[in-house]
Amino acid sequence: MNNDARFFFCLCGFTGFVLFFSLGWILTGNAFDALLRGSIGCLILGVGGRLLLGTLLRSLLESTSSVGEGGANSSGHAAHGLSEIAKSNSTPEELAVQASAQATSEAAAGVEPGVNTSV
């Protein structure tokens, strides 16, 4: 799974914890009850963020594959690679890993060395 996706889940979970903990503390005034509500909020928003990111990845792949099939694209190589990823029925985590690996390999292919080693 991509590190950005993990960051997104942690951010959603932390937001859920803070929101539910604050509301629990304000409503009940009991620290244990607020902690329990905060942990439940962390779980709910963490899972919700995971579902949201999965839905966004799928819709992004579907839209890029339809653009790639629709006509000539200025970045035909990138559209071709994305359509290959979209054809495989993978989980959102696998799709993110494949897209990240493809972007990394394309970026590495165009990078020139920073040090001139020729004499």
Protein backbone atom coordinates (compact mmCIF):
# COMPACT_ATOMS: atom_id res chain seq x y z
CA MET A 1 0.00 0.00 0.00
CA ASN A 2 1.23 3.46 -0.80
CA ASN A 3 2.59 5.64 2.03
CA ASP A 4 0.26 8.46 0.97
CA ALA A 5 -2.72 6.16 1.47
CA ARG A 6 -1.51 5.24 4.96
CA PHE A 7 -1.14 8.92 5.78
CA PHE A 8 -4.69 9.53 4.56
CA PHE A 9 -6.06 6.74 6.78
CA CYS A 10 -4.13 8.01 9.80
CA LEU A 11 -5.34 11.53 9.20
CA CYS A 12 -8.96 10.39 8.91
CA GLY A 13 -8.62 8.24 12.03
CA PHE A 14 -7.00 11.02 14.04
CA THR A 15 -9.69 13.47 12.94
CA GLY A 16 -12.36 10.98 14.01
CA PHE A 17 -10.71 10.45 17.38
CA VAL A 18 -10.39 14.17 18.11
CA LEU A 19 -13.93 14.92 16.94
CA PHE A 20 -15.63 12.09 18.82
CA PHE A 21 -13.44 12.52 21.92
CA SER A 22 -14.26 16.23 22.08
CA LEU A 23 -17.96 15.62 21.61
CA GLY A 24 -17.91 12.84 24.21
CA TRP A 25 -16.08 15.01 26.71
CA ILE A 26 -18.46 17.94 26.15
CA LEU A 27 -21.62 15.83 26.28
CA THR A 28 -20.78 13.50 29.18
CA GLY A 29 -17.85 15.04 31.05
CA ASN A 30 -16.53 11.53 31.66
CA ALA A 31 -12.96 10.88 30.47
CA PHE A 32 -13.40 7.12 30.04
CA ASP A 33 -16.61 7.55 28.05
CA ALA A 34 -14.95 10.22 25.90
CA LEU A 35 -11.98 7.90 25.27
CA LEU A 36 -14.32 5.09 24.25
CA ARG A 37 -16.23 7.39 21.91
CA GLY A 38 -12.96 8.72 20.48
CA SER A 39 -11.68 5.23 19.68
CA ILE A 40 -14.97 4.34 18.00
CA GLY A 41 -14.80 7.58 16.00
CA CYS A 42 -11.22 6.78 14.99
CA LEU A 43 -12.33 3.39 13.69
CA ILE A 44 -15.38 4.75 11.87
CA LEU A 45 -13.61 7.61 10.09
CA GLY A 46 -10.51 5.49 9.35
CA VAL A 47 -12.62 2.86 7.60
CA GLY A 48 -14.69 5.59 5.95
CA GLY A 49 -11.51 7.21 4.62
CA ARG A 50 -10.36 3.85 3.27
CA LEU A 51 -13.66 3.35 1.44
CA LEU A 52 -13.55 6.91 0.10
CA LEU A 53 -10.00 6.50 -1.21
CA GLY A 54 -10.87 3.16 -2.82
CA THR A 55 -13.87 4.70 -4.56
CA LEU A 56 -11.78 7.64 -5.77
CA LEU A 57 -9.05 5.35 -7.13
CA ARG A 58 -11.57 3.22 -9.01
CA SER A 59 -13.35 6.23 -10.51
CA LEU A 60 -10.00 7.78 -11.48
CA LEU A 61 -8.92 4.60 -13.26
CA GLU A 62 -12.27 4.27 -15.02
CA SER A 63 -12.16 7.88 -16.21
CA THR A 64 -8.56 7.63 -17.44
CA SER A 65 -9.24 4.35 -19.23
CA SER A 66 -12.28 5.83 -20.98
CA VAL A 67 -10.22 8.87 -22.04
CA GLY A 68 -7.43 6.60 -23.30
CA GLU A 69 -9.86 4.52 -25.36
CA GLY A 70 -11.86 7.51 -26.62
CA GLY A 71 -9.29 9.03 -28.90
CA ALA A 72 -5.74 10.15 -29.45
CA ASN A 73 -4.10 11.44 -26.33
CA SER A 74 -0.96 13.55 -26.15
CA SER A 75 0.42 11.20 -23.47
CA GLY A 76 -0.44 7.94 -25.19
CA HIS A 77 2.16 5.97 -23.25
CA ALA A 78 0.74 6.99 -19.88
CA ALA A 79 -2.85 6.34 -21.00
CA HIS A 80 -1.84 2.92 -22.31
CA GLY A 81 -0.22 2.00 -18.98
CA LEU A 82 -3.24 3.19 -17.01
CA SER A 83 -5.61 1.23 -19.21
CA GLU A 84 -3.51 -1.90 -18.55
CA ILE A 85 -3.82 -1.27 -14.82
CA ALA A 86 -7.56 -0.65 -15.14
CA LYS A 87 -8.10 -3.91 -17.05
CA SER A 88 -6.82 -5.99 -14.15
CA ASN A 89 -9.57 -6.38 -11.56
CA SER A 90 -7.48 -5.52 -8.52
CA THR A 91 -8.11 -4.15 -5.08
CA PRO A 92 -7.56 -0.41 -4.50
CA GLU A 93 -4.32 -1.17 -2.67
CA GLU A 94 -2.95 -3.14 -5.62
CA LEU A 95 -4.07 -0.40 -8.02
CA ALA A 96 -2.24 2.23 -5.97
CA VAL A 97 0.93 0.12 -5.88
CA GLN A 98 0.80 -0.50 -9.64
CA ALA A 99 0.20 3.16 -10.44
CA SER A 100 3.01 4.23 -8.10
CA ALA A 101 5.43 1.70 -9.60
CA GLN A 102 4.55 2.82 -13.12
CA ALA A 103 5.00 6.51 -12.26
CA THR A 104 8.32 5.78 -10.57
CA SER A 105 9.66 3.80 -13.54
CA GLU A 106 8.57 6.50 -16.00
CA ALA A 107 10.18 9.21 -13.88
CA ALA A 108 13.38 7.19 -13.48
CA ALA A 109 13.64 6.65 -17.22
CA GLY A 110 13.75 10.40 -17.86
CA VAL A 111 16.20 11.31 -15.08
CA GLU A 112 19.75 12.21 -16.03
CA PRO A 113 22.56 11.69 -13.55
CA GLY A 114 23.47 14.75 -11.51
CA VAL A 115 27.22 14.03 -11.69
CA ASN A 116 29.06 13.89 -14.98
CA THR A 117 31.24 10.78 -14.78
CA SER A 118 32.74 11.04 -18.26
CA VAL A 119 36.35 12.22 -18.44
